[in-house]
């Protein structure tokens, strides 16, 4: 029973490798070759900030962004045009679906980037606390980073592991940290990394700097939490006005209005 299944899987893989994959590669090369380099670099930075979702490169994302709306547009036409009385409405509906899909890809990438940035900000206090403890225990900065990254599974650990890999490939620690600072779209993280880079270059005790930065991070998070708590009543006002108040008015004033109408009639 397993051998026919294995042969079928092998045939499917062969079909993908022989026919579909070369077509996709040619389309991607064609699209990447036509787009300006600064546009591709901008898309790559957005993908980097989002953590490269689905393992996509800039060329893969552009191909998906163009291929998916066109595919849905053609699919809607094939499904609804034969049974439709007015073809123009189906074409308009298909165009709306295609435009929505194209816009959603940009929204998805931006949302993933914001979500990942929030996870990085959330992981910063515990990460730098553990890093500080490791350095105070006598470990070097690189060894402490490797140890903490192996113990914490977060986007921040992934970013520092990427920097450690860059240092293994020959980059200086300063250059690797500068690139790390630039590719994470968090203003507070950039500030912390600037302090760490400056302390590393000037020979200041890293343990003292990390302890100070951890205090700053926790104060910033407390301030952000208080700010969000102060905004909560204002945000609650919109659903109350739209959904709760009309229901209360109907329940309280409705019987009075019905009685007045009955008396008038």
Protein backbone atom coordinates (compact mmCIF):
# COMPACT_ATOMS: atom_id res chain seq x y z
CA UNK A 1 0.00 0.00 0.00
CA UNK A 2 2.84 2.41 0.73
CA UNK A 3 4.70 1.87 -2.56
CA UNK A 4 1.90 3.19 -4.86
CA UNK A 5 1.52 6.19 -2.58
CA UNK A 6 5.26 6.89 -2.73
CA UNK A 7 5.21 6.60 -6.52
CA UNK A 8 2.28 8.99 -6.72
CA UNK A 9 4.05 11.51 -4.47
CA UNK A 10 7.16 11.19 -6.62
CA UNK A 11 5.15 11.82 -9.79
CA UNK A 12 3.49 14.87 -8.21
CA UNK A 13 6.86 16.26 -7.16
CA UNK A 14 8.21 15.59 -10.63
CA UNK A 15 5.29 17.46 -12.19
CA UNK A 16 5.91 20.42 -9.90
CA UNK A 17 9.66 20.41 -10.51
CA UNK A 18 9.40 19.95 -14.27
CA UNK A 19 6.51 22.25 -15.16
CA UNK A 20 5.24 24.55 -12.41
CA UNK A 21 8.48 25.51 -10.68
CA UNK A 22 10.35 26.64 -13.85
CA UNK A 23 7.36 28.79 -14.87
CA UNK A 24 7.23 30.44 -11.45
CA UNK A 25 10.98 31.05 -11.48
CA UNK A 26 10.84 32.64 -14.92
CA UNK A 27 7.91 34.85 -13.91
CA UNK A 28 9.74 35.92 -10.77
CA UNK A 29 12.92 36.76 -12.67
CA UNK A 30 10.90 38.72 -15.23
CA UNK A 31 9.09 40.73 -12.55
CA UNK A 32 12.23 41.34 -10.46
CA UNK A 33 14.12 42.48 -13.56
CA UNK A 34 11.47 45.05 -14.44
CA UNK A 35 11.06 46.57 -10.98
CA UNK A 36 13.48 49.30 -9.81
CA UNK A 37 16.12 48.25 -7.31
CA UNK A 38 14.99 50.76 -4.70
CA UNK A 39 11.46 49.30 -4.89
CA UNK A 40 12.77 45.78 -4.34
CA UNK A 41 14.92 47.00 -1.45
CA UNK A 42 11.89 48.66 0.13
CA UNK A 43 9.85 45.45 -0.15
CA UNK A 44 12.74 43.45 1.30
CA UNK A 45 12.92 45.81 4.31
CA UNK A 46 9.18 45.37 4.91
CA UNK A 47 9.53 41.60 4.69
CA UNK A 48 12.51 41.73 7.03
CA UNK A 49 10.52 43.75 9.56
CA UNK A 50 7.72 41.18 9.32
CA UNK A 51 10.13 38.29 9.84
CA UNK A 52 9.91 36.98 6.25
CA UNK A 53 6.43 35.39 6.56
CA UNK A 54 6.07 32.04 4.74
CA UNK A 55 9.78 32.28 3.91
CA UNK A 56 9.06 34.70 1.05
CA UNK A 57 11.73 36.80 -0.59
CA UNK A 58 11.00 40.16 -2.21
CA UNK A 59 10.56 38.50 -5.60
CA UNK A 60 8.20 35.89 -4.17
CA UNK A 61 6.07 38.56 -2.50
CA UNK A 62 5.79 40.64 -5.68
CA UNK A 63 4.88 37.52 -7.66
CA UNK A 64 2.22 36.58 -5.09
CA UNK A 65 0.92 40.15 -4.98
CA UNK A 66 0.36 40.15 -8.74
CA UNK A 67 -0.46 36.49 -9.36
CA UNK A 68 -3.12 36.07 -6.64
CA UNK A 69 -5.44 38.97 -7.69
CA UNK A 70 -5.22 37.98 -11.37
CA UNK A 71 -6.00 34.35 -10.50
CA UNK A 72 -9.02 35.31 -8.39
CA UNK A 73 -10.25 37.70 -11.09
CA UNK A 74 -10.15 34.96 -13.75
CA UNK A 75 -11.63 32.40 -11.34
CA UNK A 76 -14.61 34.63 -10.51
CA UNK A 77 -15.22 35.26 -14.19
CA UNK A 78 -15.17 31.55 -14.99
CA UNK A 79 -17.49 30.70 -12.10
CA UNK A 80 -20.13 33.44 -12.37
CA UNK A 81 -20.19 34.70 -15.97
CA UNK A 82 -21.94 31.61 -17.45
CA UNK A 83 -24.81 31.87 -14.95
CA UNK A 84 -25.02 35.67 -14.78
CA UNK A 85 -27.66 37.76 -16.52
CA UNK A 86 -25.49 40.88 -16.56
CA UNK A 87 -21.85 40.23 -17.34
CA UNK A 88 -20.79 43.78 -16.44
CA UNK A 89 -21.77 43.29 -12.78
CA UNK A 90 -19.72 40.10 -12.59
CA UNK A 91 -16.71 41.85 -14.12
CA UNK A 92 -17.03 44.72 -11.62
CA UNK A 93 -17.38 42.26 -8.72
CA UNK A 94 -14.32 40.31 -9.92
CA UNK A 95 -12.32 43.54 -10.22
CA UNK A 96 -13.33 44.55 -6.68
CA UNK A 97 -12.20 41.15 -5.35
CA UNK A 98 -8.87 41.48 -7.19
CA UNK A 99 -8.28 45.02 -5.86
CA UNK A 100 -9.19 43.92 -2.34
CA UNK A 101 -6.79 40.97 -2.56
CA UNK A 102 -3.96 43.21 -3.79
CA UNK A 103 -4.59 45.66 -0.95
CA UNK A 104 -4.86 42.88 1.61
CA UNK A 105 -1.35 41.62 0.81
CA UNK A 106 0.06 45.04 1.76
CA UNK A 107 -2.12 45.14 4.87
CA UNK A 108 -1.03 41.62 5.86
CA UNK A 109 2.63 42.53 5.56
CA UNK A 110 2.18 45.73 7.59
CA UNK A 111 0.16 43.89 10.26
CA UNK A 112 2.79 41.16 10.57
CA UNK A 113 5.48 43.82 10.94
CA UNK A 114 3.57 45.63 13.71
CA UNK A 115 2.83 42.37 15.49
CA UNK A 116 6.47 41.33 15.37
CA UNK A 117 7.61 44.74 16.62
CA UNK A 118 5.23 44.44 19.60
CA UNK A 119 6.63 41.00 20.39
CA UNK A 120 10.17 42.40 20.28
CA UNK A 121 9.26 45.28 22.60
CA UNK A 122 7.53 42.85 24.96
CA UNK A 123 10.54 40.50 25.09
CA UNK A 124 13.15 43.22 25.64
CA UNK A 125 13.06 43.49 29.49
CA UNK A 126 13.40 39.75 30.18
CA UNK A 127 15.95 39.33 27.38
CA UNK A 128 18.28 42.06 28.62
CA UNK A 129 17.79 40.97 32.25
CA UNK A 130 18.99 37.48 31.38
CA UNK A 131 21.80 38.94 29.30
CA UNK A 132 22.89 41.10 32.22
CA UNK A 133 22.85 38.13 34.61
CA UNK A 134 24.95 36.07 32.19
CA UNK A 135 27.52 38.86 31.80
CA UNK A 136 27.73 39.37 35.57
CA UNK A 137 28.37 35.63 35.87
CA UNK A 138 31.57 36.12 33.86
CA UNK A 139 30.50 35.36 30.29
CA UNK A 140 31.48 37.49 27.33
CA UNK A 141 28.89 39.48 25.40
CA UNK A 142 28.79 37.11 22.41
CA UNK A 143 28.60 34.00 24.58
CA UNK A 144 25.91 35.56 26.79
CA UNK A 145 23.88 36.51 23.70
CA UNK A 146 24.12 32.97 22.34
CA UNK A 147 23.07 31.47 25.67
CA UNK A 148 20.10 33.81 26.14
CA UNK A 149 18.95 33.35 22.54
CA UNK A 150 18.99 29.57 22.99
CA UNK A 151 16.82 29.87 26.11
CA UNK A 152 14.29 32.41 24.79
CA UNK A 153 12.21 31.75 21.70
CA UNK A 154 11.16 35.17 20.42
CA UNK A 155 11.69 37.42 17.38
CA UNK A 156 14.26 39.36 19.41
CA UNK A 157 16.31 36.18 19.90
CA UNK A 158 16.08 35.47 16.17
CA UNK A 159 17.40 38.94 15.36
CA UNK A 160 20.36 38.61 17.71
CA UNK A 161 21.11 35.11 16.38
CA UNK A 162 21.17 36.61 12.89
CA UNK A 163 23.67 39.22 14.11
CA UNK A 164 25.83 36.51 15.68
CA UNK A 165 25.83 34.65 12.36
CA UNK A 166 26.92 37.86 10.61
CA UNK A 167 29.80 38.18 13.05
CA UNK A 168 30.84 34.59 12.32
CA UNK A 169 30.96 35.50 8.63
CA UNK A 170 33.45 38.30 9.30
CA UNK A 171 31.46 41.39 10.24
CA UNK A 172 32.54 43.40 13.23
CA UNK A 173 30.31 43.52 16.27
CA UNK A 174 29.68 47.21 15.71
CA UNK A 175 28.58 46.68 12.11
CA UNK A 176 26.38 43.70 13.03
CA UNK A 177 24.68 45.66 15.83
CA UNK A 178 24.18 48.69 13.58
CA UNK A 179 22.47 46.53 10.98
CA UNK A 180 20.37 44.93 13.72
CA UNK A 181 19.36 48.36 14.98
CA UNK A 182 18.42 49.53 11.50
CA UNK A 183 16.31 46.51 10.51
CA UNK A 184 14.08 46.44 13.61
CA UNK A 185 11.37 49.12 13.26
CA UNK A 186 11.12 49.95 16.95
CA UNK A 187 12.25 53.40 18.04
CA UNK A 188 12.89 52.34 21.62
CA UNK A 189 14.90 49.30 20.50
CA UNK A 190 16.98 51.57 18.28
CA UNK A 191 17.70 53.79 21.28
CA UNK A 192 18.74 50.82 23.43
CA UNK A 193 20.96 49.39 20.70
CA UNK A 194 22.62 52.78 20.16
CA UNK A 195 23.51 52.87 23.86
CA UNK A 196 24.90 49.31 23.72
CA UNK A 197 26.97 50.09 20.60
CA UNK A 198 28.36 53.25 22.18
CA UNK A 199 29.20 51.45 25.43
CA UNK A 200 30.92 48.63 23.52
CA UNK A 201 33.04 51.11 21.53
CA UNK A 202 34.00 53.22 24.54
CA UNK A 203 34.80 50.28 26.80
CA UNK A 204 32.12 51.06 29.39
CA UNK A 205 31.01 48.18 31.60
CA UNK A 206 28.29 46.36 29.66
CA UNK A 207 26.61 45.08 32.83
CA UNK A 208 25.98 48.61 34.10
CA UNK A 209 24.67 49.76 30.73
CA UNK A 210 22.31 46.78 30.42
CA UNK A 211 20.99 47.33 33.95
CA UNK A 212 20.27 50.97 33.15
CA UNK A 213 18.63 50.09 29.84
CA UNK A 214 16.46 47.42 31.47
CA UNK A 215 15.17 50.00 33.96
CA UNK A 216 14.41 52.34 31.06
CA UNK A 217 12.58 49.61 29.18
CA UNK A 218 10.37 48.71 32.14
CA UNK A 219 9.58 52.37 32.81
CA UNK A 220 8.67 52.81 29.16
CA UNK A 221 6.37 49.79 29.27
CA UNK A 222 4.66 51.07 32.43
CA UNK A 223 4.17 54.46 30.80
CA UNK A 224 2.75 52.80 27.67
CA UNK A 225 0.36 50.69 29.77
CA UNK A 226 -0.87 53.80 31.63
CA UNK A 227 -1.32 55.61 28.33
CA UNK A 228 -3.37 52.74 26.91
CA UNK A 229 -5.48 52.65 30.09
CA UNK A 230 -6.21 56.37 29.77
CA UNK A 231 -7.27 55.90 26.13
CA UNK A 232 -9.64 53.03 26.96
CA UNK A 233 -12.64 55.21 28.04
CA UNK A 234 -12.41 57.24 24.84
CA UNK A 235 -12.28 54.07 22.73
CA UNK A 236 -15.24 52.59 24.60
CA UNK A 237 -17.30 55.67 23.77
CA UNK A 238 -17.69 54.69 20.09
CA UNK A 239 -19.31 51.24 20.62
CA UNK A 240 -21.44 52.67 23.43
CA UNK A 241 -22.83 55.42 21.20
CA UNK A 242 -23.35 53.11 18.23
CA UNK A 243 -24.68 49.96 19.91
CA UNK A 244 -25.55 50.38 23.60
CA UNK A 245 -27.23 53.81 23.77
CA UNK A 246 -29.67 53.19 20.85
CA UNK A 247 -30.82 49.96 22.53
CA UNK A 248 -31.34 51.74 25.85
CA UNK A 249 -33.30 54.50 24.13
CA UNK A 250 -35.54 51.94 22.41
CA UNK A 251 -36.18 50.07 25.68
CA UNK A 252 -36.83 53.20 27.78
CA UNK A 253 -38.51 55.58 25.34
CA UNK A 254 -40.17 53.04 23.03
CA UNK A 255 -43.18 52.23 25.28
CA UNK A 256 -43.79 55.94 25.93
CA UNK A 257 -43.85 56.68 22.20
CA UNK A 258 -46.21 53.72 21.57
CA UNK A 259 -48.61 54.98 24.31
CA UNK A 260 -48.61 58.50 22.88
CA UNK A 261 -49.33 57.22 19.38
CA UNK A 262 -52.19 55.02 20.67
CA UNK A 263 -53.73 57.94 22.61
CA UNK A 264 -53.44 60.21 19.58
CA UNK A 265 -55.13 57.63 17.33
